[in-house]
Amino acid sequence: MRFKRLKWISLILSILMVTACGSAASSNKNNTASRNKEDVSATKTASASGDKVELTFYYPISVGGPLTPTIEGMAKDFMEEHPDIVVKPVYTGSYADTAVKTQAGVQAKTPPDVAVLQSTELFSLLDMDAILPLDDFIAKEGGDSYLSDFYPAFLSNSQTGGKTYSIPFQRSTIVLYYNKEMFKKAGLDPERGPKSWDEMREYAKKLTKDGVWGLEIPVTGFAYWMLQTFSLQNGTNLMTEDGKKVMFDNPQVKEGLEYWSNLALKDKVMPEGATDWGTVPSDFLEGKTAMMYHTTGNLSNVKANAKFDFGVSFLPMNKSYGSPTGGGNFYIFKGIDQKKQEAAWEFVKFMTESKRAAQWSIDTGYVAVKKSSYETDLMKKYTTDFPAALVARDQLEYAAAELSTHNNGKVMKALSDQVQAVLTGGIAPADALKKAQEEADRALAPFNK
């Protein structure tokens, strides 16, 4: 009896073991199949991903308004048209921040594939052997015919030695914004800004009252750029085309800096010292200043946020009108493979197409970099409704290249530091420009041997 019971128990255990083994085998089989399926799927994904070219795209933002979603939306539109290319936009802060990150990447041999950097970085990037000449790509698009659609003033910071190294994107000139309501209260014609240096001083005096400045001109970060306006209006630029020499210690530049500093230190129609780049538009929108110098890249921000009627005009002239161009260009970097270079060029072309440049101009206030953009129905309607959007473009007739040299950071700093010192009353314009010239000459000496 006991033997029979043990036999039954043994039989039951055997059945259970067989069942368990069967279940385990089945489970393992299923797991193996599942893993195989995942592996196949992963392989397919990797294969598909492997067929795509991935681009890292650095971009700065230097004006007001929510531009990150705009840039990301443009990249998304590009990827929908080019499903074999993945663009990863990376917001890299200000122009200065973006330059530092890019240069660090170049030195570490991990550059971005494509980036928007200040057009003035041309010589610095060439000295690092960091960027590709774009002439072979441009030739495939029609060569000079392709380039002829871009405004020449914007290309002047893109080309040297007979080659083109960057494509204009978010470009500007400096314009004068003014509060029409304050003009009316001061007895000034609200339909036009001051046309000359003398008239601007006269207007600013009438507008300075009750805690409101007549004029603000930003200094921090862009002091050299603002001085360049007065220099150009006085008939001279600050550097040679090859970026090897500067002409800071020059009577025309000195007269321009004296005029600017006198507005603050003698006429008392603008703040003394280093007025912040980002604060000036806020002061204008809050009614703390009646006029301001600023990039047209802030136009859409002002249009969206001004609670008053405002006007935009050319910068006042002395011997002539004049403004440096400004803003950022597209660069494609060395050290990436041919497929990435070709994909980066497709992206650059897409971002600067006529209709897209028109929309970018409307979204930001930057000048559309192509002449044909202004022939699109979109831009015609926009500028008919909002003629102020044409001021910066029309001023291009009097515009010149922004200060760009070898060892650009040191040269710009040499000038900007001295301009700030003058505006705080710490040094006379002539002495400041002499110091700036000497320092810049030392920075450029290695390139003049």
Protein backbone atom coordinates (compact mmCIF):
# COMPACT_ATOMS: atom_id res chain seq x y z
CA MET A 1 0.00 0.00 0.00
CA ARG A 2 2.75 2.31 1.03
CA PHE A 3 4.66 1.34 -2.15
CA LYS A 4 1.63 2.17 -4.33
CA ARG A 5 1.29 5.58 -2.64
CA LEU A 6 4.97 6.39 -3.28
CA LYS A 7 4.57 5.28 -6.89
CA TRP A 8 1.62 7.65 -7.40
CA ILE A 9 3.52 10.50 -5.75
CA SER A 10 6.52 9.82 -7.98
CA LEU A 11 4.28 9.75 -11.06
CA ILE A 12 2.62 13.03 -10.12
CA LEU A 13 6.00 14.71 -9.50
CA SER A 14 7.25 13.45 -12.85
CA ILE A 15 4.20 14.87 -14.58
CA LEU A 16 4.67 18.17 -12.79
CA MET A 17 8.36 18.28 -13.71
CA VAL A 18 7.61 17.52 -17.33
CA THR A 19 4.93 20.17 -17.31
CA ALA A 20 7.25 22.63 -15.61
CA CYS A 21 10.03 21.84 -18.04
CA GLY A 22 7.59 22.22 -20.87
CA SER A 23 6.43 25.55 -19.54
CA ALA A 24 9.97 26.67 -19.02
CA ALA A 25 10.92 25.56 -22.48
CA SER A 26 7.89 27.32 -23.89
CA SER A 27 8.69 30.41 -21.88
CA ASN A 28 12.30 30.37 -22.97
CA LYS A 29 11.17 29.84 -26.53
CA ASN A 30 8.81 32.78 -26.28
CA ASN A 31 11.45 34.92 -24.60
CA THR A 32 13.98 33.96 -27.21
CA ALA A 33 11.49 34.77 -29.94
CA SER A 34 10.68 38.04 -28.26
CA ARG A 35 14.33 38.93 -27.96
CA ASN A 36 14.90 37.91 -31.54
CA LYS A 37 12.00 40.13 -32.57
CA GLU A 38 13.39 43.01 -30.57
CA ASP A 39 16.84 42.44 -31.98
CA VAL A 40 15.46 42.44 -35.50
CA SER A 41 13.48 45.55 -34.75
CA ALA A 42 16.51 47.18 -33.19
CA THR A 43 18.57 46.18 -36.16
CA LYS A 44 15.99 47.68 -38.49
CA THR A 45 15.90 50.87 -36.46
CA ALA A 46 19.66 51.07 -36.39
CA SER A 47 19.72 50.39 -40.08
CA ALA A 48 17.15 53.08 -40.72
CA SER A 49 18.97 55.45 -38.40
CA GLY A 50 22.21 54.53 -40.08
CA ASP A 51 20.75 55.68 -43.39
CA LYS A 52 20.07 59.13 -41.95
CA VAL A 53 22.58 61.91 -41.66
CA GLU A 54 22.47 63.61 -38.28
CA LEU A 55 23.46 67.27 -37.94
CA THR A 56 24.22 69.21 -34.78
CA PHE A 57 23.19 72.83 -35.29
CA TYR A 58 24.37 75.57 -32.87
CA TYR A 59 22.39 78.81 -32.86
CA PRO A 60 22.43 81.96 -30.66
CA ILE A 61 19.65 84.41 -29.83
CA SER A 62 20.61 88.04 -29.34
CA VAL A 63 17.27 89.83 -29.59
CA GLY A 64 13.96 89.80 -27.74
CA GLY A 65 11.04 87.47 -28.43
CA PRO A 66 10.48 83.69 -28.28
CA LEU A 67 12.72 82.64 -31.15
CA THR A 68 13.67 79.14 -29.96
CA PRO A 69 10.31 77.63 -31.06
CA THR A 70 10.70 79.46 -34.38
CA ILE A 71 14.12 77.95 -35.05
CA GLU A 72 12.98 74.49 -33.96
CA GLY A 73 9.92 74.79 -36.19
CA MET A 74 12.11 75.65 -39.17
CA ALA A 75 14.33 72.64 -38.46
CA LYS A 76 11.23 70.44 -38.24
CA ASP A 77 9.97 71.74 -41.59
CA PHE A 78 13.36 70.95 -43.10
CA MET A 79 13.30 67.38 -41.80
CA GLU A 80 9.83 66.84 -43.25
CA GLU A 81 11.18 67.83 -46.66
CA HIS A 82 14.42 65.89 -46.09
CA PRO A 83 13.50 62.68 -44.22
CA ASP A 84 17.04 61.35 -44.63
CA ILE A 85 18.51 64.20 -42.55
CA VAL A 86 18.04 64.74 -38.81
CA VAL A 87 18.81 68.24 -37.52
CA LYS A 88 19.36 68.72 -33.80
CA PRO A 89 19.12 72.46 -33.00
CA VAL A 90 21.14 73.44 -29.92
CA TYR A 91 20.46 76.86 -28.39
CA THR A 92 23.90 78.07 -27.32
CA GLY A 93 23.12 81.41 -25.66
CA SER A 94 24.46 84.77 -26.85
CA TYR A 95 26.76 85.26 -29.81
CA ALA A 96 29.72 85.35 -27.41
CA ASP A 97 28.59 82.13 -25.68
CA THR A 98 28.13 80.42 -29.03
CA ALA A 99 31.58 81.47 -30.19
CA VAL A 100 33.19 80.09 -27.02
CA LYS A 101 31.34 76.76 -27.28
CA THR A 102 32.13 76.42 -30.94
CA GLN A 103 35.80 77.18 -30.49
CA ALA A 104 35.99 74.70 -27.60
CA GLY A 105 34.40 72.08 -29.85
CA VAL A 106 36.83 72.81 -32.65
CA GLN A 107 39.82 72.48 -30.31
CA ALA A 108 38.43 69.20 -28.93
CA LYS A 109 37.82 67.99 -32.51
CA THR A 110 34.08 67.84 -31.84
CA PRO A 111 32.80 70.89 -33.73
CA PRO A 112 29.14 71.40 -34.53
CA ASP A 113 28.30 70.38 -38.07
CA VAL A 114 26.69 73.71 -38.85
CA ALA A 115 26.30 76.88 -36.77
CA VAL A 116 25.10 80.45 -36.83
CA LEU A 117 27.88 82.69 -35.54
CA GLN A 118 28.53 86.40 -35.87
CA SER A 119 29.62 87.30 -39.36
CA THR A 120 32.65 88.97 -37.74
CA GLU A 121 34.05 85.58 -36.65
CA LEU A 122 35.32 84.97 -40.19
CA PHE A 123 39.04 85.60 -39.64
CA SER A 124 39.12 83.95 -36.22
CA LEU A 125 37.55 80.77 -37.63
CA LEU A 126 39.93 80.80 -40.59
CA ASP A 127 42.89 81.17 -38.24
CA MET A 128 41.65 78.01 -36.46
CA ASP A 129 41.28 76.22 -39.81
CA ALA A 130 37.73 75.46 -38.62
CA ILE A 131 35.42 76.24 -41.54
CA LEU A 132 34.86 75.10 -45.10
CA PRO A 133 34.92 77.42 -48.10
CA LEU A 134 31.48 77.09 -49.65
CA ASP A 135 32.42 77.86 -53.24
CA ASP A 136 31.99 74.30 -54.56
CA PHE A 137 28.47 74.12 -53.12
CA ILE A 138 27.68 77.62 -54.41
CA ALA A 139 28.94 76.71 -57.89
CA LYS A 140 26.38 73.88 -58.07
CA GLU A 141 23.61 76.39 -57.30
CA GLY A 142 24.67 78.76 -60.07
CA GLY A 143 27.74 80.47 -58.62
CA ASP A 144 27.63 84.25 -58.92
CA SER A 145 24.00 84.09 -59.98
CA TYR A 146 23.12 82.37 -56.69
CA LEU A 147 25.13 84.87 -54.63
CA SER A 148 23.75 87.88 -56.50
CA ASP A 149 20.39 87.44 -54.75
CA PHE A 150 22.02 88.22 -51.38
CA TYR A 151 22.55 91.87 -50.45
CA PRO A 152 26.22 92.78 -51.09
CA ALA A 153 26.57 94.56 -47.74
CA PHE A 154 25.77 91.28 -45.99
CA LEU A 155 28.25 89.29 -48.08
CA SER A 156 31.11 91.65 -47.27
CA ASN A 157 31.70 89.86 -43.95
CA SER A 158 31.41 86.44 -45.68
CA GLN A 159 34.18 86.68 -48.24
CA THR A 160 37.94 87.06 -48.23
CA GLY A 161 40.73 86.00 -50.56
CA GLY A 162 38.26 85.37 -53.37
CA LYS A 163 36.31 82.73 -51.41
CA THR A 164 32.95 82.67 -49.64
CA TYR A 165 32.97 81.11 -46.17
CA SER A 166 29.50 81.82 -44.80
CA ILE A 167 25.92 82.49 -45.89
CA PRO A 168 23.97 85.44 -44.38
CA PHE A 169 21.04 84.47 -42.15
CA GLN A 170 19.98 86.73 -39.27
CA ARG A 171 21.35 90.03 -40.46
CA SER A 172 20.65 93.59 -39.50
CA THR A 173 21.57 97.21 -39.54
CA ILE A 174 21.21 99.55 -36.58
CA VAL A 175 18.14 101.78 -36.78
CA LEU A 176 16.62 104.59 -34.73
CA TYR A 177 13.38 103.75 -32.90
CA TYR A 178 11.33 106.66 -31.59
CA ASN A 179 8.16 107.17 -29.57
CA LYS A 180 5.68 109.12 -31.72
CA GLU A 181 3.53 110.15 -28.77
CA MET A 182 6.52 111.73 -27.00
CA PHE A 183 7.45 113.47 -30.23
CA LYS A 184 3.96 115.04 -30.41
CA LYS A 185 4.13 116.24 -26.80
CA ALA A 186 7.54 117.81 -27.47
CA GLY A 187 6.25 119.60 -30.58
CA LEU A 188 8.23 117.39 -32.98
CA ASP A 189 6.96 115.88 -36.23
CA PRO A 190 5.97 112.31 -35.30
CA GLU A 191 6.26 111.12 -38.89
CA ARG A 192 10.01 111.46 -39.14
CA GLY A 193 13.06 110.92 -36.97
CA PRO A 194 16.01 113.31 -36.74
CA LYS A 195 18.03 113.35 -39.95
CA SER A 196 21.38 114.78 -38.81
CA TRP A 197 23.66 114.73 -35.78
CA ASP A 198 22.71 118.33 -34.98
CA GLU A 199 19.01 117.53 -35.26
CA MET A 200 19.35 114.44 -33.07
CA ARG A 201 20.97 116.53 -30.30
CA GLU A 202 18.21 119.14 -30.66
CA TYR A 203 15.45 116.48 -30.54
CA ALA A 204 17.04 114.69 -27.59
CA LYS A 205 17.21 117.93 -25.59
CA LYS A 206 13.50 118.59 -26.17
CA LEU A 207 12.57 115.03 -25.25
CA THR A 208 14.66 114.78 -22.06
CA LYS A 209 12.37 115.65 -19.15
CA ASP A 210 10.36 114.22 -16.26
CA GLY A 211 12.72 111.29 -15.76
CA VAL A 212 12.67 110.36 -19.45
CA TRP A 213 15.89 110.29 -21.48
CA GLY A 214 15.86 111.76 -24.95
CA LEU A 215 18.04 108.95 -26.28
CA GLU A 216 19.68 105.68 -25.24
CA ILE A 217 22.49 103.92 -27.10
CA PRO A 218 23.52 100.48 -25.77
CA VAL A 219 27.14 99.98 -24.83
CA THR A 220 27.74 96.59 -23.19
CA GLY A 221 28.82 93.93 -25.64
CA PHE A 222 28.50 96.15 -28.69
CA ALA A 223 30.30 99.43 -27.90
CA TYR A 224 32.57 98.96 -30.94
CA TRP A 225 29.47 98.43 -33.14
CA MET A 226 27.79 101.63 -31.98
CA LEU A 227 30.99 103.65 -32.42
CA GLN A 228 31.19 102.24 -35.93
CA THR A 229 27.89 103.99 -36.78
CA PHE A 230 29.40 107.42 -36.01
CA SER A 231 32.62 106.52 -37.80
CA LEU A 232 30.79 105.50 -40.99
CA GLN A 233 28.59 108.58 -40.85
CA ASN A 234 31.82 110.56 -40.70
CA GLY A 235 33.17 108.90 -43.83
CA THR A 236 35.44 106.08 -42.63
CA ASN A 237 35.32 102.47 -41.49
CA LEU A 238 37.42 100.99 -38.69
CA MET A 239 39.42 98.24 -40.43
CA THR A 240 40.96 97.09 -43.68
CA GLU A 241 39.19 94.45 -45.76
CA ASP A 242 41.85 91.82 -45.06
CA GLY A 243 41.28 92.18 -41.32
CA LYS A 244 44.95 92.88 -40.61
CA LYS A 245 44.79 96.57 -39.65
CA VAL A 246 42.46 98.92 -37.79
CA MET A 247 42.10 102.71 -37.94
CA PHE A 248 40.85 103.57 -34.44
CA ASP A 249 43.23 106.53 -33.89
CA ASN A 250 41.71 108.55 -36.68
CA PRO A 251 40.28 112.14 -36.66
CA GLN A 252 36.92 111.00 -38.09
CA VAL A 253 36.56 108.28 -35.45
CA LYS A 254 37.62 110.69 -32.72
CA GLU A 255 34.99 113.24 -33.81
CA GLY A 256 32.34 110.52 -33.77
CA LEU A 257 33.25 109.39 -30.25
CA GLU A 258 33.30 112.99 -29.04
CA TYR A 259 29.82 113.56 -30.42
CA TRP A 260 28.50 110.39 -28.75
CA SER A 261 30.12 111.06 -25.36
CA ASN A 262 28.99 114.70 -25.37
CA LEU A 263 25.37 113.57 -25.63
CA ALA A 264 25.83 111.92 -22.23
CA LEU A 265 28.48 114.01 -20.45
CA LYS A 266 27.72 117.56 -21.66
CA ASP A 267 24.23 117.64 -23.13
CA LYS A 268 22.87 115.23 -20.47
CA VAL A 269 20.29 113.79 -22.90
CA MET A 270 21.29 110.16 -22.40
CA PRO A 271 22.63 108.10 -19.47
CA GLU A 272 26.33 108.14 -18.67
CA GLY A 273 28.33 104.92 -18.48
CA ALA A 274 27.80 101.49 -19.95
CA THR A 275 24.11 101.24 -20.84
CA ASP A 276 23.16 97.57 -21.09
CA TRP A 277 22.36 96.05 -24.49
CA GLY A 278 19.28 94.21 -23.21
CA THR A 279 18.03 97.04 -21.00
CA VAL A 280 17.72 99.64 -23.75
CA PRO A 281 14.74 98.00 -25.56
CA SER A 282 13.03 97.51 -22.20
CA ASP A 283 13.56 101.17 -21.33
CA PHE A 284 12.08 102.17 -24.69
CA LEU A 285 9.03 99.92 -24.25
CA GLU A 286 8.52 101.23 -20.68
CA GLY A 287 8.68 104.88 -21.77
CA LYS A 288 12.00 105.58 -20.04
CA THR A 289 13.62 106.85 -23.23
CA ALA A 290 12.04 108.57 -26.23
CA MET A 291 14.56 107.31 -28.80
CA MET A 292 16.97 104.39 -28.97
CA TYR A 293 19.66 103.02 -31.24
CA HIS A 294 19.24 99.26 -31.64
CA THR A 295 19.35 96.43 -34.12
CA THR A 296 16.44 95.98 -36.47
CA GLY A 297 16.48 92.41 -35.16
CA ASN A 298 14.43 93.78 -32.28
CA LEU A 299 11.74 95.24 -34.53
CA SER A 300 9.18 92.45 -34.13
CA ASN A 301 9.73 92.48 -30.37
CA VAL A 302 9.06 96.23 -30.24
CA LYS A 303 6.08 95.89 -32.58
CA ALA A 304 4.55 93.19 -30.39
CA ASN A 305 5.11 94.90 -27.06
CA ALA A 306 4.97 98.68 -27.54
CA LYS A 307 1.85 100.17 -25.94
CA PHE A 308 2.33 103.35 -27.98
CA ASP A 309 2.74 104.36 -31.61
CA PHE A 310 6.38 104.23 -32.63
CA GLY A 311 8.48 105.11 -35.67
CA VAL A 312 11.66 103.69 -37.20
CA SER A 313 14.15 105.72 -39.24
CA PHE A 314 17.67 105.72 -40.66
CA LEU A 315 20.38 106.66 -38.20
CA PRO A 316 21.04 110.41 -38.42
CA MET A 317 23.81 111.43 -40.81
CA ASN A 318 26.83 113.69 -40.50
CA LYS A 319 28.81 113.59 -43.75
CA SER A 320 26.56 110.76 -44.94
CA TYR A 321 24.14 108.16 -43.65
CA GLY A 322 25.80 105.01 -42.39
CA SER A 323 25.46 101.86 -40.32
CA PRO A 324 27.55 98.73 -40.01
CA THR A 325 25.77 95.54 -40.85
CA GLY A 326 25.38 93.09 -38.00
CA GLY A 327 24.16 89.66 -37.06
CA GLY A 328 24.93 86.05 -37.81
CA ASN A 329 25.83 83.83 -40.75
CA PHE A 330 25.77 80.09 -41.38
CA TYR A 331 29.14 78.31 -41.24
CA ILE A 332 29.86 74.65 -42.11
CA PHE A 333 32.73 73.05 -40.26
CA LYS A 334 35.72 71.01 -41.23
CA GLY A 335 36.32 67.68 -39.52
CA ILE A 336 32.93 66.22 -40.49
CA ASP A 337 32.41 63.65 -43.23
CA GLN A 338 31.31 64.46 -46.77
CA LYS A 339 27.70 63.33 -46.22
CA LYS A 340 27.35 65.70 -43.29
CA GLN A 341 28.86 68.56 -45.25
CA GLU A 342 26.39 68.00 -48.07
CA ALA A 343 23.48 67.68 -45.64
CA ALA A 344 24.59 70.86 -43.86
CA TRP A 345 24.60 72.73 -47.16
CA GLU A 346 21.06 71.51 -47.89
CA PHE A 347 20.02 72.85 -44.48
CA VAL A 348 21.72 76.22 -45.09
CA LYS A 349 20.03 76.54 -48.48
CA PHE A 350 16.64 75.68 -47.01
CA MET A 351 16.94 78.18 -44.15
CA THR A 352 17.84 81.02 -46.53
CA GLU A 353 15.33 80.34 -49.30
CA SER A 354 13.45 83.48 -50.37
CA LYS A 355 10.08 82.63 -48.81
CA ARG A 356 11.68 81.34 -45.62
CA ALA A 357 13.96 84.37 -45.28
CA ALA A 358 10.83 86.51 -45.71
CA GLN A 359 9.01 84.68 -42.90
CA TRP A 360 12.11 84.81 -40.67
CA SER A 361 12.27 88.58 -41.21
CA ILE A 362 8.60 88.94 -40.29
CA ASP A 363 9.03 86.77 -37.19
CA THR A 364 12.09 88.64 -35.94
CA GLY A 365 12.66 92.02 -37.56
CA TYR A 366 15.97 90.97 -39.13
CA VAL A 367 16.42 92.05 -42.73
CA ALA A 368 15.52 89.28 -45.18
CA VAL A 369 18.92 88.46 -46.62
CA LYS A 370 17.75 87.88 -50.19
CA LYS A 371 16.42 90.54 -52.54
CA SER A 372 13.89 88.07 -53.93
CA SER A 373 12.31 87.73 -50.48
CA TYR A 374 10.89 91.22 -50.91
CA GLU A 375 9.18 90.09 -54.13
CA THR A 376 7.17 87.39 -52.38
CA ASP A 377 3.48 88.06 -51.82
CA LEU A 378 4.01 87.39 -48.13
CA MET A 379 6.59 90.15 -47.75
CA LYS A 380 4.80 92.59 -50.03
CA LYS A 381 1.67 92.38 -47.90
CA TYR A 382 3.64 92.62 -44.65
CA THR A 383 5.63 95.69 -45.66
CA THR A 384 2.55 97.39 -47.10
CA ASP A 385 0.85 97.01 -43.73
CA PHE A 386 4.04 97.77 -41.77
CA PRO A 387 6.43 100.01 -43.80
CA ALA A 388 8.85 100.28 -40.86
CA ALA A 389 10.01 96.79 -41.83
CA LEU A 390 11.70 98.30 -44.91
CA VAL A 391 13.84 100.89 -43.12
CA ALA A 392 16.77 98.61 -42.26
CA ARG A 393 16.77 97.10 -45.76
CA ASP A 394 16.76 100.52 -47.42
CA GLN A 395 19.59 101.64 -45.15
CA LEU A 396 21.77 98.87 -46.65
CA GLU A 397 22.58 101.35 -49.43
CA TYR A 398 24.73 103.18 -46.87
CA ALA A 399 25.90 100.14 -44.89
CA ALA A 400 29.39 98.67 -44.59
CA ALA A 401 30.99 95.57 -43.11
CA GLU A 402 30.98 95.17 -39.34
CA LEU A 403 34.35 95.34 -37.55
CA SER A 404 36.04 92.02 -38.30
CA THR A 405 39.75 91.28 -37.96
CA HIS A 406 42.17 88.54 -37.11
CA ASN A 407 42.34 88.04 -33.35
CA ASN A 408 38.90 89.63 -33.41
CA GLY A 409 38.01 89.17 -29.75
CA LYS A 410 41.05 91.07 -28.50
CA VAL A 411 40.70 93.81 -31.09
CA MET A 412 37.02 94.38 -30.33
CA LYS A 413 37.71 94.37 -26.59
CA ALA A 414 40.54 96.89 -26.99
CA LEU A 415 38.11 99.33 -28.58
CA SER A 416 35.01 98.56 -26.51
CA ASP A 417 36.86 98.96 -23.18
CA GLN A 418 38.09 102.41 -24.17
CA VAL A 419 34.66 103.50 -25.44
CA GLN A 420 33.16 102.54 -22.09
CA ALA A 421 35.90 104.46 -20.29
CA VAL A 422 35.08 107.57 -22.33
CA LEU A 423 31.34 107.29 -21.63
CA THR A 424 31.96 107.12 -17.89
CA GLY A 425 34.07 110.28 -18.11
CA GLY A 426 37.28 108.46 -17.24
CA ILE A 427 39.34 109.41 -20.27
CA ALA A 428 39.23 111.83 -23.23
CA PRO A 429 38.23 110.36 -26.63
CA ALA A 430 41.61 111.10 -28.25
CA ASP A 431 43.57 109.38 -25.47
CA ALA A 432 41.17 106.43 -25.40
CA LEU A 433 41.40 105.81 -29.14
CA LYS A 434 45.19 106.06 -29.03
CA LYS A 435 45.25 103.35 -26.35
CA ALA A 436 42.81 101.20 -28.28
CA GLN A 437 44.91 101.55 -31.42
CA GLU A 438 48.12 100.53 -29.63
CA GLU A 439 46.49 97.50 -28.05
CA ALA A 440 44.88 96.42 -31.31
CA ASP A 441 48.17 96.84 -33.16
CA ARG A 442 49.83 94.47 -30.69
CA ALA A 443 47.02 91.93 -31.17
CA LEU A 444 47.39 92.13 -34.95
CA ALA A 445 51.20 92.17 -35.06
CA PRO A 446 51.52 88.39 -35.72
CA PHE A 447 49.40 88.80 -38.86
CA ASN A 448 51.49 91.64 -40.29
CA LYS A 449 54.94 90.03 -40.38
